[in-house]
Amino acid sequence: MIGLEEAGFCGDYCGKCPNYPQKCGGCVASDHMNCYFVKCCSNRGTEHCGFCPAFPCKKLSGFCPDDRPECPLGYHIENLRIRRVMGTEA
């Protein structure tokens, strides 16, 4: 089962990162307050970028976490659209 900390505020899937979980515990707000998306969501009181009224903003649209060939360009935005409907836990 995927943990909530693997679901990034930006829609990236932290579980694919080679630093997870040994060097990084995932997308936990208290651990990543230097991240633009964590700060923005925290300031707006939203669970993730998908719930923002400006979704998808220019910053999110220009962000490319797609560092692996099996991840299509823009998958993080699609993840957020799905999470908005299904919920992060699902």
PDB file of N, CA and C in Angstrom:
ATOM      1  N   MET A   1       0.842  -1.189   0.000  1.00  0.00           N
ATOM      2  CA  MET A   1       0.000   0.000   0.000  1.00  0.00           C
ATOM      3  C   MET A   1       0.885   1.249   0.000  1.00  0.00           C
ATOM      4  N   ILE A   2       0.501   2.230  -0.763  1.00  0.00           N
ATOM      5  CA  ILE A   2       1.240   3.482  -0.853  1.00  0.00           C
ATOM      6  C   ILE A   2       0.900   4.353   0.349  1.00  0.00           C
ATOM      7  N   GLY A   3       1.923   4.934   0.952  1.00  0.00           N
ATOM      8  CA  GLY A   3       1.716   5.837   2.075  1.00  0.00           C
ATOM      9  C   GLY A   3       1.428   7.242   1.588  1.00  0.00           C
ATOM     10  N   LEU A   4       0.715   8.011   2.393  1.00  0.00           N
ATOM     11  CA  LEU A   4       0.372   9.379   2.000  1.00  0.00           C
ATOM     12  C   LEU A   4       1.613  10.231   1.783  1.00  0.00           C
ATOM     13  N   GLU A   5       2.704   9.913   2.471  1.00  0.00           N
ATOM     14  CA  GLU A   5       3.935  10.687   2.311  1.00  0.00           C
ATOM     15  C   GLU A   5       4.593  10.467   0.946  1.00  0.00           C
ATOM     16  N   GLU A   6       4.127   9.489   0.195  1.00  0.00           N
ATOM     17  CA  GLU A   6       4.652   9.242  -1.143  1.00  0.00           C
ATOM     18  C   GLU A   6       3.931  10.075  -2.206  1.00  0.00           C
ATOM     19  N   ALA A   7       2.842  10.716  -1.817  1.00  0.00           N
ATOM     20  CA  ALA A   7       2.050  11.531  -2.739  1.00  0.00           C
ATOM     21  C   ALA A   7       2.406  12.997  -2.536  1.00  0.00           C
ATOM     22  N   GLY A   8       3.205  13.542  -3.439  1.00  0.00           N
ATOM     23  CA  GLY A   8       3.682  14.912  -3.303  1.00  0.00           C
ATOM     24  C   GLY A   8       2.598  15.959  -3.478  1.00  0.00           C
ATOM     25  N   PHE A   9       2.794  17.102  -2.852  1.00  0.00           N
ATOM     26  CA  PHE A   9       1.883  18.235  -2.998  1.00  0.00           C
ATOM     27  C   PHE A   9       1.766  18.616  -4.464  1.00  0.00           C
ATOM     28  N   CYS A  10       2.849  18.432  -5.208  1.00  0.00           N
ATOM     29  CA  CYS A  10       2.930  18.807  -6.625  1.00  0.00           C
ATOM     30  C   CYS A  10       2.412  17.720  -7.557  1.00  0.00           C
ATOM     31  N   GLY A  11       2.036  16.569  -7.009  1.00  0.00           N
ATOM     32  CA  GLY A  11       1.550  15.467  -7.834  1.00  0.00           C
ATOM     33  C   GLY A  11       2.613  14.458  -8.196  1.00  0.00           C
ATOM     34  N   ASP A  12       3.850  14.711  -7.814  1.00  0.00           N
ATOM     35  CA  ASP A  12       4.913  13.743  -8.069  1.00  0.00           C
ATOM     36  C   ASP A  12       4.721  12.546  -7.147  1.00  0.00           C
ATOM     37  N   TYR A  13       5.233  11.404  -7.555  1.00  0.00           N
ATOM     38  CA  TYR A  13       5.172  10.191  -6.757  1.00  0.00           C
ATOM     39  C   TYR A  13       6.537   9.969  -6.122  1.00  0.00           C
ATOM     40  N   CYS A  14       6.645  10.267  -4.844  1.00  0.00           N
ATOM     41  CA  CYS A  14       7.929  10.202  -4.139  1.00  0.00           C
ATOM     42  C   CYS A  14       8.483   8.779  -4.058  1.00  0.00           C
ATOM     43  N   GLY A  15       7.615   7.782  -4.146  1.00  0.00           N
ATOM     44  CA  GLY A  15       8.065   6.397  -4.060  1.00  0.00           C
ATOM     45  C   GLY A  15       9.000   5.992  -5.184  1.00  0.00           C
ATOM     46  N   LYS A  16       9.028   6.741  -6.291  1.00  0.00           N
ATOM     47  CA  LYS A  16       9.917   6.422  -7.414  1.00  0.00           C
ATOM     48  C   LYS A  16      11.315   6.994  -7.223  1.00  0.00           C
ATOM     49  N   CYS A  17      11.465   7.864  -6.232  1.00  0.00           N
ATOM     50  CA  CYS A  17      12.737   8.540  -6.012  1.00  0.00           C
ATOM     51  C   CYS A  17      13.747   7.597  -5.359  1.00  0.00           C
ATOM     52  N   PRO A  18      14.973   7.581  -5.838  1.00  0.00           N
ATOM     53  CA  PRO A  18      15.986   6.704  -5.245  1.00  0.00           C
ATOM     54  C   PRO A  18      16.359   7.110  -3.816  1.00  0.00           C
ATOM     55  N   ASN A  19      15.996   8.316  -3.384  1.00  0.00           N
ATOM     56  CA  ASN A  19      16.283   8.762  -2.016  1.00  0.00           C
ATOM     57  C   ASN A  19      15.208   8.340  -1.018  1.00  0.00           C
ATOM     58  N   TYR A  20      14.087   7.824  -1.519  1.00  0.00           N
ATOM     59  CA  TYR A  20      12.990   7.427  -0.641  1.00  0.00           C
ATOM     60  C   TYR A  20      13.102   5.949  -0.319  1.00  0.00           C
ATOM     61  N   PRO A  21      12.952   5.533   0.898  1.00  0.00           N
ATOM     62  CA  PRO A  21      12.770   6.283   2.135  1.00  0.00           C
ATOM     63  C   PRO A  21      14.054   6.447   2.957  1.00  0.00           C
ATOM     64  N   GLN A  22      15.180   5.970   2.454  1.00  0.00           N
ATOM     65  CA  GLN A  22      16.412   6.015   3.243  1.00  0.00           C
ATOM     66  C   GLN A  22      16.884   7.440   3.550  1.00  0.00           C
ATOM     67  N   LYS A  23      16.958   8.294   2.541  1.00  0.00           N
ATOM     68  CA  LYS A  23      17.480   9.655   2.725  1.00  0.00           C
ATOM     69  C   LYS A  23      16.377  10.692   2.860  1.00  0.00           C
ATOM     70  N   CYS A  24      15.186  10.368   2.412  1.00  0.00           N
ATOM     71  CA  CYS A  24      14.066  11.306   2.453  1.00  0.00           C
ATOM     72  C   CYS A  24      12.806  10.529   2.801  1.00  0.00           C
ATOM     73  N   GLY A  25      12.052  11.033   3.735  1.00  0.00           N
ATOM     74  CA  GLY A  25      10.829  10.365   4.180  1.00  0.00           C
ATOM     75  C   GLY A  25       9.608  10.694   3.353  1.00  0.00           C
ATOM     76  N   GLY A  26       9.794  11.326   2.211  1.00  0.00           N
ATOM     77  CA  GLY A  26       8.671  11.655   1.345  1.00  0.00           C
ATOM     78  C   GLY A  26       8.210  13.082   1.520  1.00  0.00           C
ATOM     79  N   CYS A  27       7.055  13.357   0.992  1.00  0.00           N
ATOM     80  CA  CYS A  27       6.527  14.717   0.990  1.00  0.00           C
ATOM     81  C   CYS A  27       5.745  14.979   2.275  1.00  0.00           C
ATOM     82  N   VAL A  28       6.491  15.318   3.296  1.00  0.00           N
ATOM     83  CA  VAL A  28       5.925  15.676   4.597  1.00  0.00           C
ATOM     84  C   VAL A  28       6.192  17.165   4.768  1.00  0.00           C
ATOM     85  N   ALA A  29       5.136  17.935   4.950  1.00  0.00           N
ATOM     86  CA  ALA A  29       5.270  19.395   4.958  1.00  0.00           C
ATOM     87  C   ALA A  29       6.340  19.884   5.917  1.00  0.00           C
ATOM     88  N   SER A  30       6.373  19.359   7.108  1.00  0.00           N
ATOM     89  CA  SER A  30       7.341  19.841   8.108  1.00  0.00           C
ATOM     90  C   SER A  30       8.791  19.584   7.693  1.00  0.00           C
ATOM     91  N   ASP A  31       9.010  18.621   6.808  1.00  0.00           N
ATOM     92  CA  ASP A  31      10.362  18.307   6.337  1.00  0.00           C
ATOM     93  C   ASP A  31      10.754  19.070   5.074  1.00  0.00           C
ATOM     94  N   HIS A  32       9.800  19.704   4.415  1.00  0.00           N
ATOM     95  CA  HIS A  32      10.071  20.313   3.111  1.00  0.00           C
ATOM     96  C   HIS A  32       9.493  21.722   2.976  1.00  0.00           C
ATOM     97  N   MET A  33       9.591  22.515   4.007  1.00  0.00           N
ATOM     98  CA  MET A  33       9.051  23.868   3.946  1.00  0.00           C
ATOM     99  C   MET A  33       9.841  24.780   3.001  1.00  0.00           C
ATOM    100  N   ASN A  34      10.961  24.294   2.477  1.00  0.00           N
ATOM    101  CA  ASN A  34      11.695  25.070   1.472  1.00  0.00           C
ATOM    102  C   ASN A  34      11.155  24.810   0.067  1.00  0.00           C
ATOM    103  N   CYS A  35      10.260  23.857  -0.088  1.00  0.00           N
ATOM    104  CA  CYS A  35       9.661  23.542  -1.388  1.00  0.00           C
ATOM    105  C   CYS A  35       8.574  24.567  -1.714  1.00  0.00           C
ATOM    106  N   TYR A  36       8.622  25.112  -2.910  1.00  0.00           N
ATOM    107  CA  TYR A  36       7.635  26.099  -3.340  1.00  0.00           C
ATOM    108  C   TYR A  36       6.211  25.570  -3.191  1.00  0.00           C
ATOM    109  N   PHE A  37       5.968  24.330  -3.641  1.00  0.00           N
ATOM    110  CA  PHE A  37       4.619  23.775  -3.644  1.00  0.00           C
ATOM    111  C   PHE A  37       4.118  23.474  -2.232  1.00  0.00           C
ATOM    112  N   VAL A  38       4.981  23.005  -1.370  1.00  0.00           N
ATOM    113  CA  VAL A  38       4.604  22.768   0.028  1.00  0.00           C
ATOM    114  C   VAL A  38       4.235  24.093   0.684  1.00  0.00           C
ATOM    115  N   LYS A  39       5.075  25.110   0.483  1.00  0.00           N
ATOM    116  CA  LYS A  39       4.796  26.425   1.076  1.00  0.00           C
ATOM    117  C   LYS A  39       3.493  27.007   0.543  1.00  0.00           C
ATOM    118  N   CYS A  40       3.295  26.932  -0.756  1.00  0.00           N
ATOM    119  CA  CYS A  40       2.096  27.498  -1.366  1.00  0.00           C
ATOM    120  C   CYS A  40       0.835  26.800  -0.836  1.00  0.00           C
ATOM    121  N   CYS A  41       0.854  25.472  -0.815  1.00  0.00           N
ATOM    122  CA  CYS A  41      -0.307  24.726  -0.314  1.00  0.00           C
ATOM    123  C   CYS A  41      -0.533  25.004   1.167  1.00  0.00           C
ATOM    124  N   SER A  42       0.531  25.083   1.932  1.00  0.00           N
ATOM    125  CA  SER A  42       0.402  25.378   3.359  1.00  0.00           C
ATOM    126  C   SER A  42      -0.190  26.770   3.572  1.00  0.00           C
ATOM    127  N   ASN A  43       0.271  27.742   2.807  1.00  0.00           N
ATOM    128  CA  ASN A  43      -0.261  29.109   2.918  1.00  0.00           C
ATOM    129  C   ASN A  43      -1.724  29.192   2.517  1.00  0.00           C
ATOM    130  N   ARG A  44      -2.117  28.381   1.543  1.00  0.00           N
ATOM    131  CA  ARG A  44      -3.503  28.399   1.059  1.00  0.00           C
ATOM    132  C   ARG A  44      -4.403  27.437   1.838  1.00  0.00           C
ATOM    133  N   GLY A  45      -3.799  26.573   2.653  1.00  0.00           N
ATOM    134  CA  GLY A  45      -4.573  25.605   3.420  1.00  0.00           C
ATOM    135  C   GLY A  45      -5.158  24.496   2.568  1.00  0.00           C
ATOM    136  N   THR A  46      -4.438  24.124   1.493  1.00  0.00           N
ATOM    137  CA  THR A  46      -4.915  23.053   0.615  1.00  0.00           C
ATOM    138  C   THR A  46      -4.073  21.798   0.804  1.00  0.00           C
ATOM    139  N   GLU A  47      -4.694  20.656   0.607  1.00  0.00           N
ATOM    140  CA  GLU A  47      -4.015  19.367   0.759  1.00  0.00           C
ATOM    141  C   GLU A  47      -2.931  19.171  -0.289  1.00  0.00           C
ATOM    142  N   HIS A  48      -3.208  19.631  -1.507  1.00  0.00           N
ATOM    143  CA  HIS A  48      -2.250  19.535  -2.609  1.00  0.00           C
ATOM    144  C   HIS A  48      -2.636  20.542  -3.677  1.00  0.00           C
ATOM    145  N   CYS A  49      -1.774  20.698  -4.664  1.00  0.00           N
ATOM    146  CA  CYS A  49      -1.974  21.712  -5.702  1.00  0.00           C
ATOM    147  C   CYS A  49      -3.273  21.526  -6.482  1.00  0.00           C
ATOM    148  N   GLY A  50      -3.761  20.311  -6.576  1.00  0.00           N
ATOM    149  CA  GLY A  50      -4.984  20.041  -7.330  1.00  0.00           C
ATOM    150  C   GLY A  50      -6.205  20.753  -6.782  1.00  0.00           C
ATOM    151  N   PHE A  51      -6.167  21.139  -5.515  1.00  0.00           N
ATOM    152  CA  PHE A  51      -7.303  21.838  -4.909  1.00  0.00           C
ATOM    153  C   PHE A  51      -7.179  23.358  -4.987  1.00  0.00           C
ATOM    154  N   CYS A  52      -6.108  23.843  -5.559  1.00  0.00           N
ATOM    155  CA  CYS A  52      -5.894  25.288  -5.657  1.00  0.00           C
ATOM    156  C   CYS A  52      -6.804  25.869  -6.739  1.00  0.00           C
ATOM    157  N   PRO A  53      -7.405  27.041  -6.493  1.00  0.00           N
ATOM    158  CA  PRO A  53      -8.231  27.671  -7.519  1.00  0.00           C
ATOM    159  C   PRO A  53      -7.446  28.018  -8.793  1.00  0.00           C
ATOM    160  N   ALA A  54      -6.128  28.169  -8.677  1.00  0.00           N
ATOM    161  CA  ALA A  54      -5.285  28.499  -9.836  1.00  0.00           C
ATOM    162  C   ALA A  54      -4.722  27.258 -10.526  1.00  0.00           C
ATOM    163  N   PHE A  55      -5.152  26.074 -10.141  1.00  0.00           N
ATOM    164  CA  PHE A  55      -4.639  24.817 -10.697  1.00  0.00           C
ATOM    165  C   PHE A  55      -5.002  24.672 -12.166  1.00  0.00           C
ATOM    166  N   PRO A  56      -4.064  24.271 -13.008  1.00  0.00           N
ATOM    167  CA  PRO A  56      -2.621  24.210 -12.769  1.00  0.00           C
ATOM    168  C   PRO A  56      -1.983  25.568 -13.060  1.00  0.00           C
ATOM    169  N   CYS A  57      -1.270  26.081 -12.114  1.00  0.00           N
ATOM    170  CA  CYS A  57      -0.617  27.382 -12.271  1.00  0.00           C
ATOM    171  C   CYS A  57       0.615  27.251 -13.173  1.00  0.00           C
ATOM    172  N   LYS A  58       1.196  28.385 -13.544  1.00  0.00           N
ATOM    173  CA  LYS A  58       2.379  28.379 -14.413  1.00  0.00           C
ATOM    174  C   LYS A  58       3.548  27.668 -13.757  1.00  0.00           C
ATOM    175  N   LYS A  59       3.709  27.857 -12.458  1.00  0.00           N
ATOM    176  CA  LYS A  59       4.826  27.227 -11.738  1.00  0.00           C
ATOM    177  C   LYS A  59       4.694  25.700 -11.788  1.00  0.00           C
ATOM    178  N   LEU A  60       3.488  25.194 -11.534  1.00  0.00           N
ATOM    179  CA  LEU A  60       3.257  23.748 -11.560  1.00  0.00           C
ATOM    180  C   LEU A  60       3.378  23.208 -12.983  1.00  0.00           C
ATOM    181  N   SER A  61       2.833  23.932 -13.942  1.00  0.00           N
ATOM    182  CA  SER A  61       2.897  23.483 -15.336  1.00  0.00           C
ATOM    183  C   SER A  61       4.329  23.443 -15.855  1.00  0.00           C
ATOM    184  N   GLY A  62       5.171  24.341 -15.349  1.00  0.00           N
ATOM    185  CA  GLY A  62       6.570  24.370 -15.769  1.00  0.00           C
ATOM    186  C   GLY A  62       7.467  23.427 -14.998  1.00  0.00           C
ATOM    187  N   PHE A  63       6.941  22.842 -13.928  1.00  0.00           N
ATOM    188  CA  PHE A  63       7.710  21.927 -13.091  1.00  0.00           C
ATOM    189  C   PHE A  63       7.737  20.558 -13.750  1.00  0.00           C
ATOM    190  N   CYS A  64       8.922  19.977 -13.876  1.00  0.00           N
ATOM    191  CA  CYS A  64       9.057  18.665 -14.512  1.00  0.00           C
ATOM    192  C   CYS A  64       9.722  17.673 -13.574  1.00  0.00           C
ATOM    193  N   PRO A  65       8.922  16.959 -12.772  1.00  0.00           N
ATOM    194  CA  PRO A  65       9.508  15.938 -11.911  1.00  0.00           C
ATOM    195  C   PRO A  65       9.763  14.643 -12.679  1.00  0.00           C
ATOM    196  N   ASP A  66       9.464  14.668 -13.971  1.00  0.00           N
ATOM    197  CA  ASP A  66       9.487  13.479 -14.807  1.00  0.00           C
ATOM    198  C   ASP A  66      10.922  13.056 -15.122  1.00  0.00           C
ATOM    199  N   ASP A  67      11.593  12.559 -14.113  1.00  0.00           N
ATOM    200  CA  ASP A  67      13.008  12.226 -14.254  1.00  0.00           C
ATOM    201  C   ASP A  67      13.251  10.775 -14.642  1.00  0.00           C
ATOM    202  N   ARG A  68      12.211  10.055 -14.931  1.00  0.00           N
ATOM    203  CA  ARG A  68      12.367   8.666 -15.365  1.00  0.00           C
ATOM    204  C   ARG A  68      11.602   8.468 -16.668  1.00  0.00           C
ATOM    205  N   PRO A  69      12.152   7.690 -17.563  1.00  0.00           N
ATOM    206  CA  PRO A  69      11.522   7.519 -18.880  1.00  0.00           C
ATOM    207  C   PRO A  69      10.103   6.957 -18.812  1.00  0.00           C
ATOM    208  N   GLU A  70       9.793   6.180 -17.793  1.00  0.00           N
ATOM    209  CA  GLU A  70       8.450   5.586 -17.708  1.00  0.00           C
ATOM    210  C   GLU A  70       7.394   6.572 -17.222  1.00  0.00           C
ATOM    211  N   CYS A  71       7.805   7.777 -16.856  1.00  0.00           N
ATOM    212  CA  CYS A  71       6.873   8.807 -16.401  1.00  0.00           C
ATOM    213  C   CYS A  71       6.628   9.802 -17.529  1.00  0.00           C
ATOM    214  N   PRO A  72       5.433   9.811 -18.093  1.00  0.00           N
ATOM    215  CA  PRO A  72       5.171  10.731 -19.197  1.00  0.00           C
ATOM    216  C   PRO A  72       5.169  12.188 -18.740  1.00  0.00           C
ATOM    217  N   LEU A  73       5.511  13.075 -19.630  1.00  0.00           N
ATOM    218  CA  LEU A  73       5.525  14.498 -19.344  1.00  0.00           C
ATOM    219  C   LEU A  73       4.157  14.936 -18.828  1.00  0.00           C
ATOM    220  N   GLY A  74       4.148  15.639 -17.714  1.00  0.00           N
ATOM    221  CA  GLY A  74       2.905  16.140 -17.140  1.00  0.00           C
ATOM    222  C   GLY A  74       2.139  15.145 -16.293  1.00  0.00           C
ATOM    223  N   TYR A  75       2.728  13.982 -16.009  1.00  0.00           N
ATOM    224  CA  TYR A  75       2.000  12.982 -15.227  1.00  0.00           C
ATOM    225  C   TYR A  75       1.612  13.516 -13.854  1.00  0.00           C
ATOM    226  N   HIS A  76       2.413  14.435 -13.307  1.00  0.00           N
ATOM    227  CA  HIS A  76       2.117  14.954 -11.967  1.00  0.00           C
ATOM    228  C   HIS A  76       0.815  15.767 -11.963  1.00  0.00           C
ATOM    229  N   ILE A  77       0.529  16.464 -13.040  1.00  0.00           N
ATOM    230  CA  ILE A  77      -0.718  17.227 -13.124  1.00  0.00           C
ATOM    231  C   ILE A  77      -1.903  16.279 -13.246  1.00  0.00           C
ATOM    232  N   GLU A  78      -1.755  15.240 -14.025  1.00  0.00           N
ATOM    233  CA  GLU A  78      -2.824  14.240 -14.145  1.00  0.00           C
ATOM    234  C   GLU A  78      -3.044  13.528 -12.809  1.00  0.00           C
ATOM    235  N   ASN A  79      -1.960  13.235 -12.096  1.00  0.00           N
ATOM    236  CA  ASN A  79      -2.100  12.632 -10.767  1.00  0.00           C
ATOM    237  C   ASN A  79      -2.960  13.505  -9.864  1.00  0.00           C
ATOM    238  N   LEU A  80      -2.743  14.810  -9.906  1.00  0.00           N
ATOM    239  CA  LEU A  80      -3.507  15.733  -9.061  1.00  0.00           C
ATOM    240  C   LEU A  80      -4.970  15.787  -9.467  1.00  0.00           C
ATOM    241  N   ARG A  81      -5.246  15.719 -10.753  1.00  0.00           N
ATOM    242  CA  ARG A  81      -6.647  15.695 -11.212  1.00  0.00           C
ATOM    243  C   ARG A  81      -7.356  14.451 -10.671  1.00  0.00           C
ATOM    244  N   ILE A  82      -6.675  13.331 -10.722  1.00  0.00           N
ATOM    245  CA  ILE A  82      -7.239  12.072 -10.229  1.00  0.00           C
ATOM    246  C   ILE A  82      -7.412  12.120  -8.718  1.00  0.00           C
ATOM    247  N   ARG A  83      -6.392  12.622  -8.002  1.00  0.00           N
ATOM    248  CA  ARG A  83      -6.467  12.706  -6.550  1.00  0.00           C
ATOM    249  C   ARG A  83      -7.579  13.638  -6.092  1.00  0.00           C
ATOM    250  N   ARG A  84      -7.847  14.681  -6.864  1.00  0.00           N
ATOM    251  CA  ARG A  84      -8.915  15.623  -6.531  1.00  0.00           C
ATOM    252  C   ARG A  84     -10.268  14.902  -6.519  1.00  0.00           C
ATOM    253  N   VAL A  85     -10.448  13.957  -7.417  1.00  0.00           N
ATOM    254  CA  VAL A  85     -11.710  13.216  -7.514  1.00  0.00           C
ATOM    255  C   VAL A  85     -11.737  12.022  -6.560  1.00  0.00           C
ATOM    256  N   MET A  86     -10.687  11.225  -6.593  1.00  0.00           N
ATOM    257  CA  MET A  86     -10.657   9.974  -5.818  1.00  0.00           C
ATOM    258  C   MET A  86     -10.204  10.164  -4.374  1.00  0.00           C
ATOM    259  N   GLY A  87      -9.419  11.181  -4.125  1.00  0.00           N
ATOM    260  CA  GLY A  87      -8.825  11.352  -2.816  1.00  0.00           C
ATOM    261  C   GLY A  87      -7.420  10.772  -2.808  1.00  0.00           C
ATOM    262  N   THR A  88      -6.561  11.320  -2.005  1.00  0.00           N
ATOM    263  CA  THR A  88      -5.171  10.888  -1.956  1.00  0.00           C
ATOM    264  C   THR A  88      -5.048   9.468  -1.421  1.00  0.00           C
ATOM    265  N   GLU A  89      -5.832   9.119  -0.434  1.00  0.00           N
ATOM    266  CA  GLU A  89      -5.738   7.783   0.154  1.00  0.00           C
ATOM    267  C   GLU A  89      -6.064   6.695  -0.846  1.00  0.00           C
ATOM    268  N   ALA A  90      -7.036   6.953  -1.732  1.00  0.00           N
ATOM    269  CA  ALA A  90      -7.414   5.948  -2.744  1.00  0.00           C
ATOM    270  C   ALA A  90      -6.326   5.838  -3.784  1.00  0.00           C
TER     271      ALA A  90
END
